[in-house]
């Protein structure tokens, strides 16, 4: 019997649009199936590992068209980047997704009706004005502001990690381990990840560090490299090893 063939791929395509719905999300791998409303044309289905994808976001996706036997054409995403929506529709969709604690669909509608395209600026820089919206008191306004800042920090971390060649799967593990401190850890002590994040070895940490521009002969890299070599030797059954051989 001949081996199964991969489904045929069309030419690589780039689309920009607003995420209308999340149809499926695997919480572990962040494999996502979503409905995208492109800037021009009809809605399409996109699928792939898209960490942190949210309803209402404006995204740029690049991938190949596939044809599902039941659901028709869909774009398998290879790379994607997201940015906050700028239209009233996108802002309402984003806030109404439940991503920001304290804002559901009802309050999203009220806030956007009051502030329109200035909504994100109001939440970021004039959050006290949220009390102008019916039903929002000082406590809710404060919690919305705090949740907004948490989400903003997480988005910045994810963008930072992906900029330096960190895969989606590894992004998830690093953010789970360090939260908002992930960027600080990677820029100051990148080799910590090979000691503290499950499934990350020296080679992966070294790739991240080198992408960040850390010196190849720096003390952090030397220390991490020695520990990595000792662990490999231990795995081979060594209980001791000559200094000369280790330095080689």
C-alpha atoms as a PDB file:
ATOM      1  CA  UNK A   1       0.000   0.000   0.000  1.00  0.00           C
ATOM      2  CA  UNK A   2       1.401   3.391  -0.940  1.00  0.00           C
ATOM      3  CA  UNK A   3       1.803   5.967   1.883  1.00  0.00           C
ATOM      4  CA  UNK A   4      -0.930   8.606   2.222  1.00  0.00           C
ATOM      5  CA  UNK A   5      -0.205  11.832   0.440  1.00  0.00           C
ATOM      6  CA  UNK A   6      -0.451  15.271   1.999  1.00  0.00           C
ATOM      7  CA  UNK A   7      -3.398  17.312   0.762  1.00  0.00           C
ATOM      8  CA  UNK A   8      -2.479  19.518  -2.200  1.00  0.00           C
ATOM      9  CA  UNK A   9      -1.523  23.077  -1.343  1.00  0.00           C
ATOM     10  CA  UNK A  10      -2.380  26.174  -3.256  1.00  0.00           C
ATOM     11  CA  UNK A  11      -0.081  29.174  -3.596  1.00  0.00           C
ATOM     12  CA  UNK A  12       0.845  31.066  -0.424  1.00  0.00           C
ATOM     13  CA  UNK A  13      -1.643  33.810   0.350  1.00  0.00           C
ATOM     14  CA  UNK A  14      -1.679  36.769   2.748  1.00  0.00           C
ATOM     15  CA  UNK A  15      -4.949  38.123   4.125  1.00  0.00           C
ATOM     16  CA  UNK A  16      -5.802  40.965   6.493  1.00  0.00           C
ATOM     17  CA  UNK A  17      -9.082  41.201   8.326  1.00  0.00           C
ATOM     18  CA  UNK A  18     -11.055  41.076  11.563  1.00  0.00           C
ATOM     19  CA  UNK A  19     -11.518  37.863  13.550  1.00  0.00           C
ATOM     20  CA  UNK A  20     -15.281  37.399  13.698  1.00  0.00           C
ATOM     21  CA  UNK A  21     -15.559  34.133  15.628  1.00  0.00           C
ATOM     22  CA  UNK A  22     -13.368  31.541  17.313  1.00  0.00           C
ATOM     23  CA  UNK A  23     -14.820  28.223  16.170  1.00  0.00           C
ATOM     24  CA  UNK A  24     -12.359  25.923  17.949  1.00  0.00           C
ATOM     25  CA  UNK A  25      -9.466  26.387  20.363  1.00  0.00           C
ATOM     26  CA  UNK A  26      -7.201  23.724  21.847  1.00  0.00           C
ATOM     27  CA  UNK A  27      -6.124  25.201  25.195  1.00  0.00           C
ATOM     28  CA  UNK A  28      -2.902  23.156  25.288  1.00  0.00           C
ATOM     29  CA  UNK A  29      -1.518  23.642  21.771  1.00  0.00           C
ATOM     30  CA  UNK A  30      -3.472  26.809  20.891  1.00  0.00           C
ATOM     31  CA  UNK A  31      -4.480  25.238  17.580  1.00  0.00           C
ATOM     32  CA  UNK A  32      -7.302  27.506  16.493  1.00  0.00           C
ATOM     33  CA  UNK A  33     -10.035  27.495  13.878  1.00  0.00           C
ATOM     34  CA  UNK A  34     -11.564  30.913  13.328  1.00  0.00           C
ATOM     35  CA  UNK A  35     -13.755  32.900  10.980  1.00  0.00           C
ATOM     36  CA  UNK A  36     -12.022  35.883   9.387  1.00  0.00           C
ATOM     37  CA  UNK A  37     -13.714  38.819   7.689  1.00  0.00           C
ATOM     38  CA  UNK A  38     -11.109  40.073   5.172  1.00  0.00           C
ATOM     39  CA  UNK A  39     -10.800  43.720   4.252  1.00  0.00           C
ATOM     40  CA  UNK A  40     -12.163  42.735   0.846  1.00  0.00           C
ATOM     41  CA  UNK A  41     -14.285  39.726  -0.036  1.00  0.00           C
ATOM     42  CA  UNK A  42     -16.336  37.139   1.839  1.00  0.00           C
ATOM     43  CA  UNK A  43     -15.607  35.599   5.230  1.00  0.00           C
ATOM     44  CA  UNK A  44     -13.115  32.720   5.261  1.00  0.00           C
ATOM     45  CA  UNK A  45     -12.017  29.991   7.650  1.00  0.00           C
ATOM     46  CA  UNK A  46      -8.448  30.135   8.967  1.00  0.00           C
ATOM     47  CA  UNK A  47      -6.751  27.445  11.043  1.00  0.00           C
ATOM     48  CA  UNK A  48      -3.381  26.866  12.674  1.00  0.00           C
ATOM     49  CA  UNK A  49      -1.396  27.518  15.865  1.00  0.00           C
ATOM     50  CA  UNK A  50      -2.355  31.123  16.544  1.00  0.00           C
ATOM     51  CA  UNK A  51      -1.453  31.854  20.149  1.00  0.00           C
ATOM     52  CA  UNK A  52      -3.617  34.486  21.801  1.00  0.00           C
ATOM     53  CA  UNK A  53      -5.956  35.032  18.845  1.00  0.00           C
ATOM     54  CA  UNK A  54      -9.061  36.925  19.975  1.00  0.00           C
ATOM     55  CA  UNK A  55     -12.392  37.962  18.509  1.00  0.00           C
ATOM     56  CA  UNK A  56     -12.333  41.498  17.153  1.00  0.00           C
ATOM     57  CA  UNK A  57      -8.582  41.596  16.539  1.00  0.00           C
ATOM     58  CA  UNK A  58      -7.275  42.724  13.193  1.00  0.00           C
ATOM     59  CA  UNK A  59      -4.817  40.121  11.931  1.00  0.00           C
ATOM     60  CA  UNK A  60      -2.448  39.590   9.033  1.00  0.00           C
ATOM     61  CA  UNK A  61      -2.214  35.888   8.170  1.00  0.00           C
ATOM     62  CA  UNK A  62      -0.062  34.077   5.627  1.00  0.00           C
ATOM     63  CA  UNK A  63      -0.628  30.486   4.594  1.00  0.00           C
ATOM     64  CA  UNK A  64      -1.834  28.017   1.985  1.00  0.00           C
ATOM     65  CA  UNK A  65      -5.346  27.284   0.832  1.00  0.00           C
ATOM     66  CA  UNK A  66      -6.687  23.795   1.458  1.00  0.00           C
ATOM     67  CA  UNK A  67     -10.031  22.253   0.614  1.00  0.00           C
ATOM     68  CA  UNK A  68     -11.846  20.398   3.381  1.00  0.00           C
ATOM     69  CA  UNK A  69     -14.191  17.677   2.055  1.00  0.00           C
ATOM     70  CA  UNK A  70     -17.085  18.986   4.173  1.00  0.00           C
ATOM     71  CA  UNK A  71     -16.291  22.639   4.870  1.00  0.00           C
ATOM     72  CA  UNK A  72     -14.702  23.720   1.613  1.00  0.00           C
ATOM     73  CA  UNK A  73     -11.724  26.074   1.212  1.00  0.00           C
ATOM     74  CA  UNK A  74      -9.817  27.174   4.309  1.00  0.00           C
ATOM     75  CA  UNK A  75      -6.486  28.868   4.887  1.00  0.00           C
ATOM     76  CA  UNK A  76      -3.895  26.906   6.877  1.00  0.00           C
ATOM     77  CA  UNK A  77      -1.914  29.656   8.579  1.00  0.00           C
ATOM     78  CA  UNK A  78       1.889  29.560   8.610  1.00  0.00           C
ATOM     79  CA  UNK A  79       2.486  32.971  10.208  1.00  0.00           C
ATOM     80  CA  UNK A  80       0.240  35.582  11.737  1.00  0.00           C
ATOM     81  CA  UNK A  81       0.456  38.907  13.510  1.00  0.00           C
ATOM     82  CA  UNK A  82      -2.305  40.768  15.279  1.00  0.00           C
ATOM     83  CA  UNK A  83      -3.080  44.324  16.240  1.00  0.00           C
ATOM     84  CA  UNK A  84      -5.862  45.955  18.169  1.00  0.00           C
ATOM     85  CA  UNK A  85      -8.929  46.741  16.071  1.00  0.00           C
ATOM     86  CA  UNK A  86      -9.451  50.322  14.968  1.00  0.00           C
ATOM     87  CA  UNK A  87     -13.068  50.180  13.786  1.00  0.00           C
ATOM     88  CA  UNK A  88     -16.097  50.520  16.048  1.00  0.00           C
ATOM     89  CA  UNK A  89     -17.251  47.059  14.960  1.00  0.00           C
ATOM     90  CA  UNK A  90     -13.882  45.482  15.754  1.00  0.00           C
ATOM     91  CA  UNK A  91     -13.557  47.241  19.122  1.00  0.00           C
ATOM     92  CA  UNK A  92     -17.049  46.131  20.154  1.00  0.00           C
ATOM     93  CA  UNK A  93     -16.265  42.559  19.072  1.00  0.00           C
ATOM     94  CA  UNK A  94     -12.939  42.546  20.923  1.00  0.00           C
ATOM     95  CA  UNK A  95     -14.307  43.876  24.212  1.00  0.00           C
ATOM     96  CA  UNK A  96     -17.424  41.723  23.977  1.00  0.00           C
ATOM     97  CA  UNK A  97     -15.351  38.531  23.699  1.00  0.00           C
ATOM     98  CA  UNK A  98     -14.927  38.387  27.492  1.00  0.00           C
ATOM     99  CA  UNK A  99     -11.172  38.821  27.210  1.00  0.00           C
ATOM    100  CA  UNK A 100     -11.148  41.826  29.559  1.00  0.00           C
ATOM    101  CA  UNK A 101     -12.500  40.955  32.996  1.00  0.00           C
ATOM    102  CA  UNK A 102     -15.425  43.175  33.910  1.00  0.00           C
ATOM    103  CA  UNK A 103     -16.534  43.726  30.305  1.00  0.00           C
ATOM    104  CA  UNK A 104     -19.025  41.421  28.634  1.00  0.00           C
ATOM    105  CA  UNK A 105     -21.148  42.012  25.568  1.00  0.00           C
ATOM    106  CA  UNK A 106     -23.555  44.366  27.369  1.00  0.00           C
ATOM    107  CA  UNK A 107     -20.874  46.649  28.773  1.00  0.00           C
ATOM    108  CA  UNK A 108     -18.875  46.447  25.546  1.00  0.00           C
ATOM    109  CA  UNK A 109     -21.873  47.841  23.671  1.00  0.00           C
ATOM    110  CA  UNK A 110     -22.340  50.627  26.227  1.00  0.00           C
ATOM    111  CA  UNK A 111     -18.658  51.610  26.370  1.00  0.00           C
ATOM    112  CA  UNK A 112     -18.215  51.675  22.593  1.00  0.00           C
ATOM    113  CA  UNK A 113     -21.484  53.579  22.151  1.00  0.00           C
ATOM    114  CA  UNK A 114     -20.093  56.220  24.521  1.00  0.00           C
ATOM    115  CA  UNK A 115     -16.488  56.492  23.334  1.00  0.00           C
ATOM    116  CA  UNK A 116     -16.427  55.024  19.812  1.00  0.00           C
ATOM    117  CA  UNK A 117     -12.983  54.642  18.239  1.00  0.00           C
ATOM    118  CA  UNK A 118     -11.411  56.356  21.292  1.00  0.00           C
ATOM    119  CA  UNK A 119     -12.421  53.452  23.549  1.00  0.00           C
ATOM    120  CA  UNK A 120      -8.963  51.904  23.911  1.00  0.00           C
ATOM    121  CA  UNK A 121      -7.360  55.284  24.567  1.00  0.00           C
ATOM    122  CA  UNK A 122      -9.953  55.995  27.257  1.00  0.00           C
ATOM    123  CA  UNK A 123      -9.343  52.648  28.992  1.00  0.00           C
ATOM    124  CA  UNK A 124      -5.555  53.080  28.802  1.00  0.00           C
ATOM    125  CA  UNK A 125      -5.177  56.734  29.713  1.00  0.00           C
ATOM    126  CA  UNK A 126      -8.442  58.049  31.157  1.00  0.00           C
ATOM    127  CA  UNK A 127     -10.002  54.995  32.782  1.00  0.00           C
ATOM    128  CA  UNK A 128     -11.830  57.172  35.314  1.00  0.00           C
ATOM    129  CA  UNK A 129     -14.096  58.281  32.482  1.00  0.00           C
ATOM    130  CA  UNK A 130     -15.498  54.754  32.284  1.00  0.00           C
ATOM    131  CA  UNK A 131     -17.751  55.843  35.152  1.00  0.00           C
ATOM    132  CA  UNK A 132     -19.582  58.002  32.612  1.00  0.00           C
ATOM    133  CA  UNK A 133     -21.040  54.743  31.286  1.00  0.00           C
ATOM    134  CA  UNK A 134     -24.271  53.679  32.972  1.00  0.00           C
ATOM    135  CA  UNK A 135     -23.682  50.833  35.434  1.00  0.00           C
ATOM    136  CA  UNK A 136     -19.918  51.299  35.799  1.00  0.00           C
ATOM    137  CA  UNK A 137     -18.823  52.506  39.215  1.00  0.00           C
ATOM    138  CA  UNK A 138     -15.345  53.135  40.659  1.00  0.00           C
ATOM    139  CA  UNK A 139     -14.761  49.459  41.497  1.00  0.00           C
ATOM    140  CA  UNK A 140     -15.650  48.115  38.061  1.00  0.00           C
ATOM    141  CA  UNK A 141     -13.704  50.896  36.329  1.00  0.00           C
ATOM    142  CA  UNK A 142     -10.625  49.999  38.380  1.00  0.00           C
ATOM    143  CA  UNK A 143     -10.929  46.268  37.647  1.00  0.00           C
ATOM    144  CA  UNK A 144     -11.393  46.943  33.913  1.00  0.00           C
ATOM    145  CA  UNK A 145      -8.249  49.073  33.877  1.00  0.00           C
ATOM    146  CA  UNK A 146      -6.247  46.374  35.714  1.00  0.00           C
ATOM    147  CA  UNK A 147      -7.475  43.599  33.401  1.00  0.00           C
ATOM    148  CA  UNK A 148      -6.684  45.762  30.371  1.00  0.00           C
ATOM    149  CA  UNK A 149      -3.109  46.332  31.551  1.00  0.00           C
ATOM    150  CA  UNK A 150      -2.623  42.598  32.224  1.00  0.00           C
ATOM    151  CA  UNK A 151      -3.828  41.694  28.742  1.00  0.00           C
ATOM    152  CA  UNK A 152      -1.724  44.439  27.171  1.00  0.00           C
ATOM    153  CA  UNK A 153       1.393  43.124  28.926  1.00  0.00           C
ATOM    154  CA  UNK A 154       0.665  39.576  27.781  1.00  0.00           C
ATOM    155  CA  UNK A 155       0.216  40.710  24.172  1.00  0.00           C
ATOM    156  CA  UNK A 156       3.535  42.558  24.296  1.00  0.00           C
ATOM    157  CA  UNK A 157       5.292  39.464  25.648  1.00  0.00           C
ATOM    158  CA  UNK A 158       3.865  37.250  22.902  1.00  0.00           C
ATOM    159  CA  UNK A 159       4.845  39.707  20.161  1.00  0.00           C
ATOM    160  CA  UNK A 160       8.335  40.016  21.654  1.00  0.00           C
ATOM    161  CA  UNK A 161       8.826  36.244  21.782  1.00  0.00           C
ATOM    162  CA  UNK A 162       7.605  35.670  18.239  1.00  0.00           C
ATOM    163  CA  UNK A 163       9.807  38.497  16.930  1.00  0.00           C
ATOM    164  CA  UNK A 164      12.887  36.610  18.106  1.00  0.00           C
ATOM    165  CA  UNK A 165      12.035  33.304  16.485  1.00  0.00           C
ATOM    166  CA  UNK A 166      10.252  31.619  19.390  1.00  0.00           C
ATOM    167  CA  UNK A 167       7.671  29.136  18.110  1.00  0.00           C
ATOM    168  CA  UNK A 168       4.040  29.313  19.197  1.00  0.00           C
ATOM    169  CA  UNK A 169       4.314  26.117  21.251  1.00  0.00           C
ATOM    170  CA  UNK A 170       7.398  27.414  23.067  1.00  0.00           C
ATOM    171  CA  UNK A 171       5.756  30.823  23.589  1.00  0.00           C
ATOM    172  CA  UNK A 172       2.964  29.103  25.479  1.00  0.00           C
ATOM    173  CA  UNK A 173       5.361  27.244  27.792  1.00  0.00           C
ATOM    174  CA  UNK A 174       7.495  30.324  28.488  1.00  0.00           C
ATOM    175  CA  UNK A 175       4.498  32.548  29.225  1.00  0.00           C
ATOM    176  CA  UNK A 176       3.030  29.863  31.503  1.00  0.00           C
ATOM    177  CA  UNK A 177       6.337  29.703  33.391  1.00  0.00           C
ATOM    178  CA  UNK A 178       7.055  33.429  33.740  1.00  0.00           C
ATOM    179  CA  UNK A 179       3.868  35.321  32.901  1.00  0.00           C
ATOM    180  CA  UNK A 180       4.461  39.039  32.386  1.00  0.00           C
ATOM    181  CA  UNK A 181       8.108  38.620  33.447  1.00  0.00           C
ATOM    182  CA  UNK A 182       8.907  36.499  30.367  1.00  0.00           C
ATOM    183  CA  UNK A 183      10.398  39.406  28.420  1.00  0.00           C
ATOM    184  CA  UNK A 184      12.560  40.462  31.376  1.00  0.00           C
ATOM    185  CA  UNK A 185      13.818  36.908  31.918  1.00  0.00           C
ATOM    186  CA  UNK A 186      14.723  36.372  28.275  1.00  0.00           C
ATOM    187  CA  UNK A 187      16.522  39.681  27.848  1.00  0.00           C
ATOM    188  CA  UNK A 188      18.545  39.355  31.061  1.00  0.00           C
ATOM    189  CA  UNK A 189      18.853  35.595  31.736  1.00  0.00           C
ATOM    190  CA  UNK A 190      17.788  33.659  28.613  1.00  0.00           C
ATOM    191  CA  UNK A 191      19.538  30.447  29.645  1.00  0.00           C
ATOM    192  CA  UNK A 192      17.199  30.108  32.626  1.00  0.00           C
ATOM    193  CA  UNK A 193      14.601  28.650  30.284  1.00  0.00           C
ATOM    194  CA  UNK A 194      16.633  25.488  29.686  1.00  0.00           C
ATOM    195  CA  UNK A 195      16.737  24.883  33.449  1.00  0.00           C
ATOM    196  CA  UNK A 196      13.221  25.960  34.368  1.00  0.00           C
ATOM    197  CA  UNK A 197      10.912  25.367  31.387  1.00  0.00           C
ATOM    198  CA  UNK A 198       9.980  21.776  30.646  1.00  0.00           C
ATOM    199  CA  UNK A 199      10.965  20.573  27.198  1.00  0.00           C
ATOM    200  CA  UNK A 200      13.441  23.397  26.527  1.00  0.00           C
ATOM    201  CA  UNK A 201      17.074  22.377  26.136  1.00  0.00           C
ATOM    202  CA  UNK A 202      20.323  24.280  25.838  1.00  0.00           C
ATOM    203  CA  UNK A 203      20.204  24.442  22.040  1.00  0.00           C
ATOM    204  CA  UNK A 204      16.788  26.106  22.041  1.00  0.00           C
ATOM    205  CA  UNK A 205      17.767  28.571  24.784  1.00  0.00           C
ATOM    206  CA  UNK A 206      21.006  29.287  22.926  1.00  0.00           C
ATOM    207  CA  UNK A 207      19.112  30.025  19.711  1.00  0.00           C
ATOM    208  CA  UNK A 208      16.890  32.514  21.555  1.00  0.00           C
ATOM    209  CA  UNK A 209      19.903  34.149  23.228  1.00  0.00           C
ATOM    210  CA  UNK A 210      21.783  34.496  19.951  1.00  0.00           C
ATOM    211  CA  UNK A 211      18.711  35.931  18.217  1.00  0.00           C
ATOM    212  CA  UNK A 212      18.622  38.507  21.020  1.00  0.00           C
ATOM    213  CA  UNK A 213      22.232  39.406  20.258  1.00  0.00           C
ATOM    214  CA  UNK A 214      23.872  38.089  23.417  1.00  0.00           C
ATOM    215  CA  UNK A 215      27.646  37.520  23.083  1.00  0.00           C
ATOM    216  CA  UNK A 216      28.645  33.963  22.169  1.00  0.00           C
ATOM    217  CA  UNK A 217      31.544  34.043  24.640  1.00  0.00           C
ATOM    218  CA  UNK A 218      29.570  35.608  27.487  1.00  0.00           C
ATOM    219  CA  UNK A 219      29.666  34.016  30.962  1.00  0.00           C
ATOM    220  CA  UNK A 220      25.975  33.027  30.878  1.00  0.00           C
ATOM    221  CA  UNK A 221      26.457  31.006  27.701  1.00  0.00           C
ATOM    222  CA  UNK A 222      29.666  29.410  28.961  1.00  0.00           C
ATOM    223  CA  UNK A 223      28.057  28.373  32.274  1.00  0.00           C
ATOM    224  CA  UNK A 224      24.937  27.025  30.560  1.00  0.00           C
ATOM    225  CA  UNK A 225      27.043  25.187  27.981  1.00  0.00           C
ATOM    226  CA  UNK A 226      29.139  23.485  30.667  1.00  0.00           C
ATOM    227  CA  UNK A 227      26.022  22.393  32.564  1.00  0.00           C
ATOM    228  CA  UNK A 228      24.500  21.086  29.329  1.00  0.00           C
ATOM    229  CA  UNK A 229      27.642  19.099  28.523  1.00  0.00           C
ATOM    230  CA  UNK A 230      27.812  17.640  32.049  1.00  0.00           C
ATOM    231  CA  UNK A 231      24.176  16.557  31.826  1.00  0.00           C
ATOM    232  CA  UNK A 232      24.834  14.845  28.494  1.00  0.00           C
ATOM    233  CA  UNK A 233      27.887  13.076  29.928  1.00  0.00           C
ATOM    234  CA  UNK A 234      25.875  11.961  32.946  1.00  0.00           C
ATOM    235  CA  UNK A 235      23.253  10.567  30.591  1.00  0.00           C
ATOM    236  CA  UNK A 236      25.986   8.562  28.874  1.00  0.00           C
ATOM    237  CA  UNK A 237      26.910   6.983  32.205  1.00  0.00           C
ATOM    238  CA  UNK A 238      29.891   9.116  33.221  1.00  0.00           C
ATOM    239  CA  UNK A 239      30.339   9.944  36.903  1.00  0.00           C
ATOM    240  CA  UNK A 240      33.501  11.986  36.265  1.00  0.00           C
ATOM    241  CA  UNK A 241      35.234  13.497  33.237  1.00  0.00           C
ATOM    242  CA  UNK A 242      38.643  15.131  32.613  1.00  0.00           C
ATOM    243  CA  UNK A 243      38.739  18.934  32.571  1.00  0.00           C
ATOM    244  CA  UNK A 244      40.561  18.931  29.246  1.00  0.00           C
ATOM    245  CA  UNK A 245      37.889  16.872  27.541  1.00  0.00           C
ATOM    246  CA  UNK A 246      35.109  19.010  28.973  1.00  0.00           C
ATOM    247  CA  UNK A 247      36.661  22.242  27.704  1.00  0.00           C
ATOM    248  CA  UNK A 248      37.013  20.780  24.230  1.00  0.00           C
END
